[in-house]
Amino acid sequence: MSTFTSTLPDELLAQLAETANKLSLPKNKLIEKALRIYLNQLTRVEYINSYKQMNDDVNIMDMAEEGMVDYLKQTEL
């Protein structure tokens, strides 16, 4: 594991210390969990934006519709 040093505004550091104390967690673990959640949310936003872009792409929509027709044919017995 690597060491990371940073500076934080005093009010944020106080809030971090208070929250870590309430949760009985070391501050570094709270920061680690919060950063993981934040990075996960950024990834989700990227996916959402890519789906929105595909929704506006006529070629992608055509391919999706063709794929659905093929899928339905395969499921018909």
N, C-alpha and C. Protein backbone atom coordinates (compact mmCIF):
# COMPACT_ATOMS: atom_id res chain seq x y z
N MET A 1 0.85 -1.17 0.00
CA MET A 1 0.00 0.00 0.00
C MET A 1 0.89 1.23 0.00
N SER A 2 0.48 2.23 -0.74
CA SER A 2 1.26 3.46 -0.85
C SER A 2 0.75 4.51 0.11
N THR A 3 1.60 5.47 0.38
CA THR A 3 1.23 6.59 1.24
C THR A 3 0.91 7.79 0.37
N PHE A 4 -0.13 8.51 0.77
CA PHE A 4 -0.58 9.70 0.05
C PHE A 4 -0.71 10.83 1.05
N THR A 5 -0.14 11.98 0.75
CA THR A 5 -0.23 13.13 1.63
C THR A 5 -0.97 14.24 0.90
N SER A 6 -1.88 14.90 1.61
CA SER A 6 -2.66 15.95 0.99
C SER A 6 -3.01 17.01 2.03
N THR A 7 -3.47 18.13 1.55
CA THR A 7 -3.98 19.15 2.45
C THR A 7 -5.48 19.28 2.23
N LEU A 8 -6.20 19.59 3.30
CA LEU A 8 -7.65 19.77 3.24
C LEU A 8 -8.00 21.05 3.97
N PRO A 9 -9.08 21.68 3.56
CA PRO A 9 -9.55 22.84 4.32
C PRO A 9 -9.87 22.43 5.76
N ASP A 10 -9.63 23.34 6.70
CA ASP A 10 -9.82 23.03 8.11
C ASP A 10 -11.22 22.51 8.42
N GLU A 11 -12.24 23.14 7.82
CA GLU A 11 -13.62 22.71 8.12
C GLU A 11 -13.90 21.31 7.59
N LEU A 12 -13.30 20.96 6.45
CA LEU A 12 -13.49 19.61 5.91
C LEU A 12 -12.76 18.59 6.76
N LEU A 13 -11.57 18.95 7.23
CA LEU A 13 -10.81 18.04 8.09
C LEU A 13 -11.55 17.83 9.42
N ALA A 14 -12.16 18.88 9.94
CA ALA A 14 -12.93 18.74 11.19
C ALA A 14 -14.14 17.84 10.96
N GLN A 15 -14.81 18.00 9.82
CA GLN A 15 -15.97 17.16 9.50
C GLN A 15 -15.53 15.71 9.32
N LEU A 16 -14.39 15.50 8.70
CA LEU A 16 -13.84 14.16 8.52
C LEU A 16 -13.57 13.51 9.87
N ALA A 17 -12.92 14.25 10.76
CA ALA A 17 -12.59 13.71 12.09
C ALA A 17 -13.86 13.39 12.87
N GLU A 18 -14.86 14.26 12.80
CA GLU A 18 -16.11 14.05 13.51
C GLU A 18 -16.84 12.81 12.98
N THR A 19 -16.92 12.70 11.66
CA THR A 19 -17.61 11.56 11.06
C THR A 19 -16.87 10.26 11.32
N ALA A 20 -15.57 10.28 11.20
CA ALA A 20 -14.77 9.08 11.47
C ALA A 20 -14.97 8.63 12.92
N ASN A 21 -15.03 9.59 13.82
CA ASN A 21 -15.25 9.27 15.23
C ASN A 21 -16.63 8.65 15.44
N LYS A 22 -17.65 9.23 14.82
CA LYS A 22 -19.02 8.69 14.94
C LYS A 22 -19.12 7.27 14.41
N LEU A 23 -18.40 7.00 13.32
CA LEU A 23 -18.46 5.68 12.69
C LEU A 23 -17.43 4.71 13.24
N SER A 24 -16.62 5.19 14.17
CA SER A 24 -15.53 4.38 14.75
C SER A 24 -14.61 3.83 13.66
N LEU A 25 -14.26 4.70 12.74
CA LEU A 25 -13.36 4.34 11.64
C LEU A 25 -12.15 5.25 11.67
N PRO A 26 -11.00 4.73 11.27
CA PRO A 26 -9.87 5.63 11.07
C PRO A 26 -10.18 6.58 9.90
N LYS A 27 -9.65 7.78 9.97
CA LYS A 27 -9.91 8.76 8.92
C LYS A 27 -9.49 8.25 7.55
N ASN A 28 -8.36 7.57 7.47
CA ASN A 28 -7.90 7.08 6.16
C ASN A 28 -8.87 6.06 5.56
N LYS A 29 -9.51 5.24 6.41
CA LYS A 29 -10.48 4.26 5.90
C LYS A 29 -11.73 4.96 5.40
N LEU A 30 -12.15 6.00 6.12
CA LEU A 30 -13.32 6.76 5.69
C LEU A 30 -13.04 7.45 4.35
N ILE A 31 -11.86 8.02 4.22
CA ILE A 31 -11.48 8.65 2.95
C ILE A 31 -11.44 7.62 1.83
N GLU A 32 -10.88 6.45 2.12
CA GLU A 32 -10.79 5.38 1.12
C GLU A 32 -12.19 4.96 0.65
N LYS A 33 -13.10 4.76 1.60
CA LYS A 33 -14.47 4.36 1.23
C LYS A 33 -15.17 5.46 0.43
N ALA A 34 -15.01 6.69 0.86
CA ALA A 34 -15.66 7.81 0.17
C ALA A 34 -15.11 7.95 -1.25
N LEU A 35 -13.80 7.79 -1.41
CA LEU A 35 -13.19 7.90 -2.72
C LEU A 35 -13.65 6.78 -3.64
N ARG A 36 -13.76 5.58 -3.11
CA ARG A 36 -14.26 4.45 -3.92
C ARG A 36 -15.69 4.73 -4.41
N ILE A 37 -16.53 5.21 -3.51
CA ILE A 37 -17.91 5.53 -3.88
C ILE A 37 -17.93 6.62 -4.95
N TYR A 38 -17.15 7.66 -4.75
CA TYR A 38 -17.11 8.77 -5.70
C TYR A 38 -16.63 8.30 -7.09
N LEU A 39 -15.57 7.52 -7.12
CA LEU A 39 -15.05 7.04 -8.40
C LEU A 39 -16.05 6.11 -9.09
N ASN A 40 -16.76 5.31 -8.30
CA ASN A 40 -17.81 4.45 -8.83
C ASN A 40 -18.91 5.29 -9.48
N GLN A 41 -19.29 6.37 -8.83
CA GLN A 41 -20.32 7.26 -9.37
C GLN A 41 -19.86 7.89 -10.67
N LEU A 42 -18.59 8.27 -10.76
CA LEU A 42 -18.06 8.84 -12.01
C LEU A 42 -18.16 7.83 -13.15
N THR A 43 -17.86 6.57 -12.85
CA THR A 43 -17.97 5.51 -13.86
C THR A 43 -19.42 5.36 -14.31
N ARG A 44 -20.34 5.40 -13.37
CA ARG A 44 -21.76 5.29 -13.71
C ARG A 44 -22.20 6.45 -14.61
N VAL A 45 -21.73 7.64 -14.31
CA VAL A 45 -22.08 8.80 -15.12
C VAL A 45 -21.55 8.63 -16.54
N GLU A 46 -20.34 8.07 -16.67
CA GLU A 46 -19.79 7.80 -18.00
C GLU A 46 -20.68 6.84 -18.78
N TYR A 47 -21.14 5.77 -18.11
CA TYR A 47 -22.03 4.81 -18.77
C TYR A 47 -23.33 5.49 -19.19
N ILE A 48 -23.91 6.26 -18.29
CA ILE A 48 -25.16 6.95 -18.61
C ILE A 48 -24.99 7.86 -19.81
N ASN A 49 -23.91 8.62 -19.82
CA ASN A 49 -23.66 9.53 -20.94
C ASN A 49 -23.45 8.77 -22.24
N SER A 50 -22.77 7.64 -22.19
CA SER A 50 -22.55 6.87 -23.42
C SER A 50 -23.87 6.30 -23.94
N TYR A 51 -24.75 5.85 -23.02
CA TYR A 51 -26.06 5.35 -23.45
C TYR A 51 -26.90 6.46 -24.05
N LYS A 52 -26.82 7.65 -23.47
CA LYS A 52 -27.56 8.78 -24.03
C LYS A 52 -27.06 9.12 -25.42
N GLN A 53 -25.74 9.05 -25.63
CA GLN A 53 -25.18 9.31 -26.96
C GLN A 53 -25.64 8.25 -27.95
N MET A 54 -25.66 6.99 -27.52
CA MET A 54 -26.11 5.92 -28.42
C MET A 54 -27.57 6.08 -28.78
N ASN A 55 -28.36 6.60 -27.86
CA ASN A 55 -29.78 6.81 -28.11
C ASN A 55 -29.99 7.77 -29.27
N ASP A 56 -29.08 8.70 -29.46
CA ASP A 56 -29.20 9.69 -30.53
C ASP A 56 -28.55 9.21 -31.83
N ASP A 57 -27.88 8.06 -31.80
CA ASP A 57 -27.18 7.55 -32.98
C ASP A 57 -28.10 6.60 -33.75
N VAL A 58 -28.50 7.03 -34.93
CA VAL A 58 -29.45 6.26 -35.75
C VAL A 58 -28.88 4.88 -36.10
N ASN A 59 -27.59 4.82 -36.42
CA ASN A 59 -26.98 3.54 -36.79
C ASN A 59 -27.01 2.54 -35.64
N ILE A 60 -26.73 3.01 -34.44
CA ILE A 60 -26.76 2.13 -33.26
C ILE A 60 -28.18 1.64 -33.02
N MET A 61 -29.15 2.53 -33.14
CA MET A 61 -30.55 2.15 -32.92
C MET A 61 -30.99 1.12 -33.97
N ASP A 62 -30.58 1.29 -35.22
CA ASP A 62 -30.91 0.31 -36.26
C ASP A 62 -30.33 -1.05 -35.94
N MET A 63 -29.06 -1.07 -35.52
CA MET A 63 -28.42 -2.35 -35.18
C MET A 63 -29.13 -3.01 -34.01
N ALA A 64 -29.53 -2.22 -33.02
CA ALA A 64 -30.22 -2.78 -31.86
C ALA A 64 -31.56 -3.37 -32.27
N GLU A 65 -32.28 -2.67 -33.12
CA GLU A 65 -33.58 -3.18 -33.58
C GLU A 65 -33.41 -4.45 -34.40
N GLU A 66 -32.41 -4.49 -35.27
CA GLU A 66 -32.15 -5.70 -36.05
C GLU A 66 -31.80 -6.87 -35.14
N GLY A 67 -31.02 -6.58 -34.11
CA GLY A 67 -30.64 -7.62 -33.15
C GLY A 67 -31.85 -8.16 -32.41
N MET A 68 -32.79 -7.29 -32.08
CA MET A 68 -34.01 -7.72 -31.38
C MET A 68 -34.86 -8.59 -32.28
N VAL A 69 -34.95 -8.24 -33.55
CA VAL A 69 -35.72 -9.07 -34.49
C VAL A 69 -35.11 -10.47 -34.57
N ASP A 70 -33.80 -10.54 -34.70
CA ASP A 70 -33.12 -11.85 -34.74
C ASP A 70 -33.34 -12.62 -33.45
N TYR A 71 -33.26 -11.93 -32.31
CA TYR A 71 -33.47 -12.59 -31.03
C TYR A 71 -34.88 -13.15 -30.92
N LEU A 72 -35.87 -12.38 -31.34
CA LEU A 72 -37.25 -12.85 -31.28
C LEU A 72 -37.47 -14.06 -32.18
N LYS A 73 -36.83 -14.06 -33.35
CA LYS A 73 -36.95 -15.21 -34.25
C LYS A 73 -36.39 -16.46 -33.60
N GLN A 74 -35.27 -16.31 -32.89
CA GLN A 74 -34.64 -17.45 -32.24
C GLN A 74 -35.47 -17.99 -31.08
N THR A 75 -36.22 -17.11 -30.44
CA THR A 75 -37.01 -17.56 -29.29
C THR A 75 -38.34 -18.17 -29.68
N GLU A 76 -38.77 -17.94 -30.91
CA GLU A 76 -40.02 -18.53 -31.39
C GLU A 76 -39.76 -20.00 -31.70
N LEU A 77 -40.58 -20.85 -31.15
CA LEU A 77 -40.39 -22.29 -31.41
C LEU A 77 -41.39 -22.82 -32.36
